[in-house]
Amino acid sequence: MYPAKFLRVLVFLCGLVTAAGVRADLVIEITEGVRGALPIAIVPFANLTGQALSVDIAQVISDDLQRSGDFDPMPRTNMLSLPSKEEDVYFRDWSIVGQRYLLVGNITYDPQTQQNKTQYELLDVQSEQALVGRVISGGPALLRDMAHAIADTVYEALTGKPGVFSTKLAYVTLDERQGKPVYSLEVSDADGQRSKMVFRSNWPIISPAWSPDGKMLAYVSFESGRPAIFLQNIETEVRSLVANYKGLNSAPAWSPDGTRLAMTLSKDGNAEIYIQDLRNGQLRRLTNHWAIDTEPSWSPDGKSIVFTSDRGGGPQVYMVDVAGGRPQRLTFEGNYNARPRFSLDGNTIYYVHQRSGFNVAALDMASGQNKILTETDMDESPSVAPNGSMIIYATQRQGKGVLAVVGVNSGSKYTLPAQFGDVREPAWSPYLKR
């Protein structure tokens, strides 16, 4: 039997439920658009390959840009023409139908290299000038990758921020087979497509966290009957055990330079924050209090850690210097504030706040002001996109676990439910090198 306090920590971290069968790929459902989003027409790319293509590149680009909340793609049914290069464009026609930008392109196939070549141009309808004109190549299996890369280029050209459409998501699905739960750690594209199973178990999997280089995942598995922390390489599938002490081993968080892992351990009798150096295995205790200290997250400069603690009587967000010292309480509104995550610039902390339900909130570090970002009732596990523009989190819909995304500034919202079963514990990857 586990002591009552240990079980209380597990309930605090997991919130596990049973579910029916699950499919790993996720489905995009836009729930709230944004007024003032930039109108853009993404014309279907001309297929000059002489063969059918497995991916509609222009549609993937359009879906990517629409999800960001910053763009309002034109429906294809409203397009007056389908040009594939700038010289075929009549700018006046696109101006009349209210378009600000236009993306055109075509796809050819080189039998010698066995690659598709996609040529595209981003045009400013008002100035009648090309803003971007590029060619990218890849094998037939890389059509979606090319589409995401083009969407990233368009997004950055028009907003000044890098796009996140070529990044990945990690999440946990819960299936039930022959009366037994099956947990699966999955990695997919940022739009929920092309999911890949990383690890599967009949025991719970929680708290996936990406390494800064995007090559590894840290996560917690209960496969031995108690929680233990593992590292796993996404490509090679090589897996290593990091922490399996008596009691609680949970909430791994990578340092910005990837050399250290913050975690929650109760090996000394109480749930505290520890830091392990992954180069030499040295472990250092960071907090020392009778209360539960958990859910650490590093500041972008690696000098501070925010975490959840009930040392004030209920879960609240605290911050402590990585070198040690007395933690500083950051949240004071409400009886429950937990799972803190820094913004990319370190000026904002996102966390779960309880009002009538549980919502994702933002704390401005300078002013101390709080802002509620979500409106559903059971929101948890926020994770920030690498460009800082969106937050993915887990929530409930009709008694089923789904993922949802909210635009930090735009307020746009969409969900990523699985077709069957539950999906939870999201983690947005960093930018990935190709």
Protein backbone atom coordinates (compact mmCIF):
# COMPACT_ATOMS: atom_id res chain seq x y z
CA MET A 1 0.00 0.00 0.00
CA TYR A 2 1.18 3.51 -0.82
CA PRO A 3 0.89 6.17 1.91
CA ALA A 4 -2.05 8.55 1.56
CA LYS A 5 0.15 11.53 0.68
CA PHE A 6 1.84 9.62 -2.14
CA LEU A 7 -1.55 8.67 -3.58
CA ARG A 8 -2.63 12.29 -3.34
CA VAL A 9 0.35 13.30 -5.50
CA LEU A 10 -0.56 10.66 -8.10
CA VAL A 11 -4.15 11.90 -8.27
CA PHE A 12 -2.83 15.44 -8.53
CA LEU A 13 -0.62 14.46 -11.49
CA CYS A 14 -2.64 11.91 -13.42
CA GLY A 15 -6.41 12.31 -13.42
CA LEU A 16 -6.69 9.02 -15.31
CA VAL A 17 -9.92 7.71 -16.90
CA THR A 18 -11.02 4.66 -18.86
CA ALA A 19 -12.13 4.90 -22.48
CA ALA A 20 -13.15 3.00 -25.57
CA GLY A 21 -10.89 2.26 -28.54
CA VAL A 22 -8.65 5.04 -29.88
CA ARG A 23 -7.08 5.94 -33.20
CA ALA A 24 -3.75 7.71 -32.96
CA ASP A 25 -4.23 10.32 -35.72
CA LEU A 26 -6.08 13.43 -34.57
CA VAL A 27 -8.81 15.39 -36.38
CA ILE A 28 -8.75 19.19 -36.68
CA GLU A 29 -11.98 20.98 -35.73
CA ILE A 30 -11.83 24.79 -35.76
CA THR A 31 -14.15 26.12 -33.07
CA GLU A 32 -13.49 29.87 -33.15
CA GLY A 33 -12.00 32.05 -35.86
CA VAL A 34 -10.66 35.58 -35.58
CA ARG A 35 -12.05 38.82 -36.92
CA GLY A 36 -9.46 40.79 -38.84
CA ALA A 37 -7.51 37.71 -39.95
CA LEU A 38 -5.55 38.38 -43.15
CA PRO A 39 -7.44 37.30 -46.28
CA ILE A 40 -5.32 35.02 -48.45
CA ALA A 41 -6.11 32.83 -51.44
CA ILE A 42 -4.15 29.58 -51.67
CA VAL A 43 -4.82 28.43 -55.21
CA PRO A 44 -4.68 24.64 -55.87
CA PHE A 45 -1.17 23.89 -57.13
CA ALA A 46 -1.07 22.67 -60.71
CA ASN A 47 -0.11 18.99 -60.88
CA LEU A 48 2.34 18.65 -63.78
CA THR A 49 3.80 15.32 -62.63
CA GLY A 50 1.64 13.18 -64.90
CA GLN A 51 0.46 11.09 -61.97
CA ALA A 52 -1.96 11.40 -59.08
CA LEU A 53 -0.54 12.92 -55.88
CA SER A 54 -1.29 11.51 -52.44
CA VAL A 55 -1.39 14.95 -50.81
CA ASP A 56 -3.15 18.17 -51.83
CA ILE A 57 -0.30 20.54 -50.96
CA ALA A 58 -2.35 23.72 -51.30
CA GLN A 59 -5.07 22.35 -49.01
CA VAL A 60 -2.55 21.43 -46.31
CA ILE A 61 -1.07 24.94 -46.52
CA SER A 62 -4.52 26.49 -46.30
CA ASP A 63 -5.44 24.37 -43.27
CA ASP A 64 -2.15 25.24 -41.56
CA LEU A 65 -2.60 28.98 -42.02
CA GLN A 66 -6.25 28.91 -40.98
CA ARG A 67 -5.43 27.10 -37.72
CA SER A 68 -2.99 29.84 -36.76
CA GLY A 69 -5.86 32.30 -36.45
CA ASP A 70 -3.86 34.96 -38.30
CA PHE A 71 -5.19 34.09 -41.77
CA ASP A 72 -8.57 33.67 -43.43
CA PRO A 73 -8.05 31.46 -46.49
CA MET A 74 -10.47 31.92 -49.35
CA PRO A 75 -12.75 28.94 -50.15
CA ARG A 76 -11.81 27.35 -53.46
CA THR A 77 -15.40 27.51 -54.65
CA ASN A 78 -15.17 31.33 -54.61
CA MET A 79 -12.05 31.52 -56.78
CA LEU A 80 -12.58 33.05 -60.24
CA SER A 81 -9.47 31.43 -61.76
CA LEU A 82 -6.75 28.95 -60.84
CA PRO A 83 -3.38 30.43 -61.88
CA SER A 84 -0.24 28.42 -61.15
CA LYS A 85 2.37 31.18 -61.72
CA GLU A 86 2.59 34.94 -61.39
CA GLU A 87 2.30 35.74 -65.11
CA ASP A 88 -1.13 34.08 -65.18
CA VAL A 89 -2.48 36.21 -62.32
CA TYR A 90 -4.98 39.05 -62.94
CA PHE A 91 -4.48 40.98 -59.71
CA ARG A 92 -7.59 43.11 -60.20
CA ASP A 93 -9.82 40.03 -60.04
CA TRP A 94 -8.34 38.98 -56.68
CA SER A 95 -8.63 42.52 -55.32
CA ILE A 96 -12.30 42.68 -56.26
CA VAL A 97 -13.03 39.54 -54.21
CA GLY A 98 -11.24 41.00 -51.19
CA GLN A 99 -7.98 39.09 -51.14
CA ARG A 100 -4.85 40.68 -49.69
CA TYR A 101 -2.38 37.92 -50.58
CA LEU A 102 -2.22 35.13 -53.13
CA LEU A 103 -0.22 31.90 -53.16
CA VAL A 104 0.21 30.05 -56.46
CA GLY A 105 2.37 27.10 -57.43
CA ASN A 106 2.91 23.97 -59.47
CA ILE A 107 4.43 20.52 -58.94
CA THR A 108 6.63 18.68 -61.42
CA TYR A 109 8.43 15.33 -61.23
CA ASP A 110 12.07 14.63 -62.10
CA PRO A 111 12.43 10.95 -63.07
CA GLN A 112 16.22 11.11 -62.73
CA THR A 113 16.19 12.18 -59.08
CA GLN A 114 12.74 10.60 -58.44
CA GLN A 115 11.71 13.75 -56.63
CA ASN A 116 8.81 16.15 -56.85
CA LYS A 117 9.73 19.78 -57.42
CA THR A 118 7.32 22.36 -56.02
CA GLN A 119 7.62 25.92 -57.29
CA TYR A 120 5.54 28.52 -55.48
CA GLU A 121 5.10 32.29 -55.30
CA LEU A 122 3.56 34.45 -52.59
CA LEU A 123 2.06 37.58 -54.14
CA ASP A 124 0.87 40.89 -52.67
CA VAL A 125 -2.41 41.67 -54.43
CA GLN A 126 -2.32 45.41 -53.66
CA SER A 127 1.23 46.08 -54.82
CA GLU A 128 1.09 43.35 -57.52
CA GLN A 129 4.53 42.23 -56.39
CA ALA A 130 6.01 38.85 -55.49
CA LEU A 131 7.03 38.64 -51.83
CA VAL A 132 8.46 35.12 -51.96
CA GLY A 133 9.38 32.88 -54.87
CA ARG A 134 11.01 29.54 -54.18
CA VAL A 135 11.44 25.96 -55.31
CA ILE A 136 11.64 23.01 -52.91
CA SER A 137 12.13 19.35 -53.75
CA GLY A 138 11.47 16.03 -52.08
CA GLY A 139 10.38 12.48 -52.66
CA PRO A 140 6.69 11.55 -53.02
CA ALA A 141 6.57 10.61 -49.33
CA LEU A 142 7.57 14.17 -48.35
CA LEU A 143 4.64 16.05 -49.88
CA ARG A 144 3.15 16.89 -46.47
CA ASP A 145 6.57 18.02 -45.24
CA MET A 146 6.87 20.33 -48.24
CA ALA A 147 3.39 21.71 -47.61
CA HIS A 148 4.18 22.45 -43.95
CA ALA A 149 7.49 24.08 -44.95
CA ILE A 150 5.73 26.35 -47.45
CA ALA A 151 3.14 27.30 -44.81
CA ASP A 152 5.99 28.17 -42.44
CA THR A 153 7.58 30.40 -45.08
CA VAL A 154 4.31 32.19 -45.83
CA TYR A 155 3.55 32.67 -42.15
CA GLU A 156 6.95 34.19 -41.43
CA ALA A 157 6.91 36.40 -44.51
CA LEU A 158 3.58 37.96 -43.52
CA THR A 159 3.77 38.01 -39.70
CA GLY A 160 7.50 38.27 -38.99
CA LYS A 161 7.31 35.19 -36.75
CA PRO A 162 8.52 31.70 -37.67
CA GLY A 163 5.73 29.26 -38.40
CA VAL A 164 5.25 26.08 -36.36
CA PHE A 165 3.62 23.87 -38.96
CA SER A 166 6.71 21.68 -39.41
CA THR A 167 6.93 20.92 -35.70
CA LYS A 168 5.58 17.84 -33.90
CA LEU A 169 3.18 16.99 -31.10
CA ALA A 170 3.61 14.31 -28.45
CA TYR A 171 0.54 13.04 -26.62
CA VAL A 172 -0.88 10.01 -24.84
CA THR A 173 -3.86 8.02 -26.07
CA LEU A 174 -5.93 5.61 -24.00
CA ASP A 175 -7.57 2.58 -25.60
CA GLU A 176 -9.35 -0.40 -24.11
CA ARG A 177 -8.70 -3.83 -25.58
CA GLN A 178 -10.22 -7.02 -24.25
CA GLY A 179 -11.21 -5.19 -21.10
CA LYS A 180 -7.70 -3.87 -20.42
CA PRO A 181 -6.48 -0.27 -20.78
CA VAL A 182 -3.76 0.35 -23.37
CA TYR A 183 -1.76 3.57 -23.11
CA SER A 184 0.22 4.76 -26.11
CA LEU A 185 2.74 7.59 -26.35
CA GLU A 186 2.36 9.06 -29.83
CA VAL A 187 4.20 11.64 -31.94
CA SER A 188 2.44 13.35 -34.85
CA ASP A 189 2.71 16.36 -37.12
CA ALA A 190 1.50 19.63 -35.63
CA ASP A 191 -1.85 19.07 -37.38
CA GLY A 192 -2.30 15.67 -35.73
CA GLN A 193 -1.54 13.66 -38.87
CA ARG A 194 1.05 10.90 -39.49
CA SER A 195 1.10 9.70 -35.91
CA LYS A 196 3.81 7.31 -34.79
CA MET A 197 3.69 5.14 -31.69
CA VAL A 198 6.75 5.71 -29.49
CA PHE A 199 5.85 3.48 -26.53
CA ARG A 200 2.86 1.38 -25.51
CA SER A 201 1.89 -0.10 -22.14
CA ASN A 202 -1.01 -1.47 -20.13
CA TRP A 203 0.07 0.93 -17.40
CA PRO A 204 -0.38 4.73 -17.40
CA ILE A 205 2.02 7.00 -19.30
CA ILE A 206 2.15 10.68 -18.31
CA SER A 207 4.18 13.88 -18.60
CA PRO A 208 5.94 13.62 -21.99
CA ALA A 209 8.57 16.36 -22.45
CA TRP A 210 10.67 17.15 -25.53
CA SER A 211 14.41 17.61 -25.41
CA PRO A 212 15.53 21.01 -26.77
CA ASP A 213 16.90 19.40 -29.95
CA GLY A 214 13.64 17.54 -30.57
CA LYS A 215 15.35 14.14 -30.71
CA MET A 216 14.30 12.75 -27.33
CA LEU A 217 11.24 12.44 -25.15
CA ALA A 218 11.28 12.18 -21.38
CA TYR A 219 8.15 10.64 -19.87
CA VAL A 220 6.77 8.76 -16.89
CA SER A 221 5.68 5.12 -17.16
CA PHE A 222 3.97 3.03 -14.47
CA GLU A 223 4.92 -0.27 -16.15
CA SER A 224 6.76 -1.55 -13.07
CA GLY A 225 3.77 -0.82 -10.83
CA ARG A 226 5.12 2.55 -9.72
CA PRO A 227 6.08 5.70 -11.65
CA ALA A 228 9.55 5.82 -13.24
CA ILE A 229 11.13 8.35 -15.61
CA PHE A 230 12.46 7.23 -18.99
CA LEU A 231 14.24 8.89 -21.91
CA GLN A 232 13.60 7.66 -25.44
CA ASN A 233 15.11 8.59 -28.79
CA ILE A 234 12.30 9.22 -31.27
CA GLU A 235 14.10 7.86 -34.32
CA THR A 236 16.23 5.01 -32.94
CA GLU A 237 13.66 4.05 -30.25
CA VAL A 238 16.56 3.52 -27.80
CA ARG A 239 15.11 3.83 -24.30
CA SER A 240 16.88 4.42 -20.98
CA LEU A 241 15.76 4.58 -17.37
CA VAL A 242 16.57 7.85 -15.60
CA ALA A 243 14.83 7.68 -12.24
CA ASN A 244 13.26 4.70 -10.49
CA TYR A 245 13.64 5.56 -6.81
CA LYS A 246 11.30 4.35 -4.13
CA GLY A 247 8.12 6.41 -4.15
CA LEU A 248 7.35 9.07 -6.73
CA ASN A 249 9.40 9.72 -9.88
CA SER A 250 7.55 12.18 -12.07
CA ALA A 251 7.19 15.47 -14.00
CA PRO A 252 10.47 15.52 -16.00
CA ALA A 253 11.47 18.86 -17.52
CA TRP A 254 14.52 19.51 -19.73
CA SER A 255 16.85 22.43 -19.12
CA PRO A 256 17.13 24.80 -22.12
CA ASP A 257 20.60 23.44 -22.98
CA GLY A 258 19.46 19.82 -22.73
CA THR A 259 22.10 18.80 -20.17
CA ARG A 260 19.87 18.58 -17.09
CA LEU A 261 16.47 17.24 -16.14
CA ALA A 262 14.32 18.70 -13.38
CA MET A 263 11.91 16.21 -11.82
CA THR A 264 9.77 15.41 -8.82
CA LEU A 265 11.05 12.68 -6.49
CA SER A 266 9.84 11.47 -3.09
CA LYS A 267 12.79 9.19 -2.41
CA ASP A 268 13.62 11.09 0.79
CA GLY A 269 10.05 10.86 2.09
CA ASN A 270 8.43 13.91 0.53
CA ALA A 271 7.69 15.13 -3.00
CA GLU A 272 10.47 17.62 -3.84
CA ILE A 273 12.05 19.14 -6.95
CA TYR A 274 15.41 17.65 -7.94
CA ILE A 275 17.81 18.38 -10.79
CA GLN A 276 19.77 15.58 -12.43
CA ASP A 277 22.81 16.23 -14.61
CA LEU A 278 22.38 13.92 -17.60
CA ARG A 279 26.10 14.00 -18.38
CA ASN A 280 27.27 12.43 -15.13
CA GLY A 281 24.06 11.34 -13.36
CA GLN A 282 24.59 13.63 -10.37
CA LEU A 283 21.37 14.45 -8.53
CA ARG A 284 20.75 17.64 -6.56
CA ARG A 285 17.77 18.47 -4.39
CA LEU A 286 16.36 21.94 -5.13
CA THR A 287 13.39 22.31 -2.73
CA ASN A 288 13.04 21.27 0.89
CA HIS A 289 9.58 21.58 2.38
CA TRP A 290 6.98 19.34 4.00
CA ALA A 291 4.46 20.20 1.24
CA ILE A 292 4.15 18.67 -2.25
CA ASP A 293 6.49 20.36 -4.75
CA THR A 294 5.98 19.18 -8.32
CA GLU A 295 5.57 20.08 -12.04
CA PRO A 296 8.84 21.99 -12.55
CA SER A 297 9.47 24.08 -15.67
CA TRP A 298 12.64 25.98 -16.63
CA SER A 299 12.87 29.65 -17.52
CA PRO A 300 14.19 30.30 -21.05
CA ASP A 301 17.55 31.48 -19.67
CA GLY A 302 17.89 28.37 -17.49
CA LYS A 303 18.33 30.39 -14.30
CA SER A 304 14.97 29.79 -12.65
CA ILE A 305 12.38 27.06 -12.24
CA VAL A 306 8.66 27.52 -11.69
CA PHE A 307 6.75 24.72 -10.00
CA THR A 308 3.51 23.80 -8.25
CA SER A 309 3.38 23.55 -4.47
CA ASP A 310 0.66 23.30 -1.83
CA ARG A 311 2.90 24.80 0.85
CA GLY A 312 0.44 27.69 1.16
CA GLY A 313 -2.52 25.38 1.81
CA GLY A 314 -3.48 24.63 -1.79
CA PRO A 315 -1.78 24.30 -5.20
CA GLN A 316 -0.08 27.56 -6.21
CA VAL A 317 2.75 28.52 -8.58
CA TYR A 318 6.19 29.31 -7.12
CA MET A 319 9.55 30.22 -8.61
CA VAL A 320 13.01 29.35 -7.30
CA ASP A 321 16.53 30.08 -8.47
CA VAL A 322 18.21 27.03 -10.02
CA ALA A 323 21.19 27.67 -7.73
CA GLY A 324 18.85 27.34 -4.71
CA GLY A 325 17.25 29.68 -2.24
CA ARG A 326 13.80 30.49 -0.95
CA PRO A 327 10.96 30.02 -3.46
CA GLN A 328 8.81 33.02 -4.36
CA ARG A 329 5.05 32.64 -4.66
CA LEU A 330 3.69 33.98 -7.96
CA THR A 331 -0.05 33.25 -7.95
CA PHE A 332 -2.53 34.55 -5.39
CA GLU A 333 -5.92 34.63 -7.14
CA GLY A 334 -8.00 31.50 -6.56
CA ASN A 335 -7.46 28.31 -4.59
CA TYR A 336 -5.91 26.27 -7.40
CA ASN A 337 -3.10 27.33 -9.76
CA ALA A 338 -0.83 24.62 -11.18
CA ARG A 339 1.25 23.20 -14.08
CA PRO A 340 3.19 26.44 -14.86
CA ARG A 341 5.02 26.94 -18.19
CA PHE A 342 7.14 29.93 -19.24
CA SER A 343 6.56 31.93 -22.40
CA LEU A 344 9.50 32.03 -24.81
CA ASP A 345 10.56 35.50 -23.68
CA GLY A 346 10.19 34.64 -19.99
CA ASN A 347 7.75 37.51 -19.42
CA THR A 348 4.62 35.38 -19.05
CA ILE A 349 3.74 32.17 -17.23
CA TYR A 350 0.91 29.98 -18.46
CA TYR A 351 -0.77 27.72 -15.93
CA VAL A 352 -4.01 25.97 -14.98
CA HIS A 353 -6.36 28.15 -12.94
CA GLN A 354 -9.57 27.10 -11.21
CA ARG A 355 -12.64 29.28 -11.39
CA SER A 356 -15.96 27.46 -11.79
CA GLY A 357 -13.92 24.95 -13.78
CA PHE A 358 -10.25 24.55 -14.69
CA ASN A 359 -8.88 26.88 -17.38
CA VAL A 360 -5.54 27.87 -18.88
CA ALA A 361 -4.47 31.32 -17.69
CA ALA A 362 -1.59 33.71 -18.35
CA LEU A 363 0.32 35.62 -15.65
CA ASP A 364 2.18 38.76 -16.70
CA MET A 365 5.37 38.67 -14.65
CA ALA A 366 5.86 42.45 -14.68
CA SER A 367 2.36 43.57 -13.71
CA GLY A 368 1.14 40.49 -11.88
CA GLN A 369 -2.08 40.60 -13.92
CA ASN A 370 -3.87 37.37 -14.85
CA LYS A 371 -5.76 36.62 -18.05
CA ILE A 372 -7.98 33.59 -18.67
CA LEU A 373 -7.32 32.12 -22.13
CA THR A 374 -9.72 29.16 -22.30
CA GLU A 375 -13.39 28.68 -21.53
CA THR A 376 -13.93 24.94 -21.19
CA ASP A 377 -14.29 23.33 -17.78
CA MET A 378 -11.56 20.71 -17.46
CA ASP A 379 -8.44 22.20 -19.08
CA GLU A 380 -5.00 20.90 -18.11
CA SER A 381 -1.41 20.29 -19.24
CA PRO A 382 -0.68 23.48 -21.23
CA SER A 383 2.30 23.41 -23.62
CA VAL A 384 3.57 26.43 -25.57
CA ALA A 385 4.28 26.36 -29.32
CA PRO A 386 7.93 27.15 -30.15
CA ASN A 387 7.03 30.55 -31.66
CA GLY A 388 4.97 31.46 -28.59
CA SER A 389 1.80 32.17 -30.57
CA MET A 390 -0.31 29.17 -29.49
CA ILE A 391 -0.87 26.90 -26.52
CA ILE A 392 -2.00 23.29 -26.74
CA TYR A 393 -3.74 21.74 -23.74
CA ALA A 394 -5.90 18.78 -22.77
CA THR A 395 -9.59 19.18 -22.07
CA GLN A 396 -12.87 17.26 -21.94
CA ARG A 397 -15.68 17.20 -24.47
CA GLN A 398 -18.77 15.10 -23.93
CA GLY A 399 -16.90 13.04 -21.35
CA LYS A 400 -14.01 12.34 -23.71
CA GLY A 401 -10.42 13.56 -23.50
CA VAL A 402 -9.40 15.78 -26.45
CA LEU A 403 -6.62 18.23 -27.19
CA ALA A 404 -7.31 21.89 -27.88
CA VAL A 405 -5.28 24.87 -29.06
CA VAL A 406 -5.79 28.56 -28.31
CA GLY A 407 -4.03 31.52 -29.92
CA VAL A 408 -2.23 33.52 -27.25
CA ASN A 409 -2.94 36.88 -28.91
CA SER A 410 -5.46 36.04 -31.63
CA GLY A 411 -7.83 34.06 -29.41
CA SER A 412 -8.44 31.54 -32.19
CA LYS A 413 -9.41 28.06 -31.02
CA TYR A 414 -9.46 24.57 -32.45
CA THR A 415 -9.61 21.03 -31.09
CA LEU A 416 -7.77 17.84 -32.05
CA PRO A 417 -9.93 14.93 -30.93
CA ALA A 418 -9.14 11.32 -31.71
CA GLN A 419 -11.85 9.55 -33.69
CA PHE A 420 -12.22 7.08 -30.83
CA GLY A 421 -11.22 7.15 -27.16
CA ASP A 422 -9.22 9.64 -25.16
CA VAL A 423 -6.17 11.76 -25.94
CA ARG A 424 -4.28 13.79 -23.32
CA GLU A 425 -0.90 14.97 -21.98
CA PRO A 426 0.14 17.10 -25.00
CA ALA A 427 3.66 18.46 -25.52
CA TRP A 428 4.59 20.75 -28.41
CA SER A 429 8.02 20.07 -29.86
CA PRO A 430 10.75 22.67 -30.40
CA TYR A 431 11.77 23.59 -33.94
CA LEU A 432 13.22 20.53 -35.64
CA LYS A 433 16.39 20.57 -37.72
CA ARG A 434 16.12 18.86 -41.10
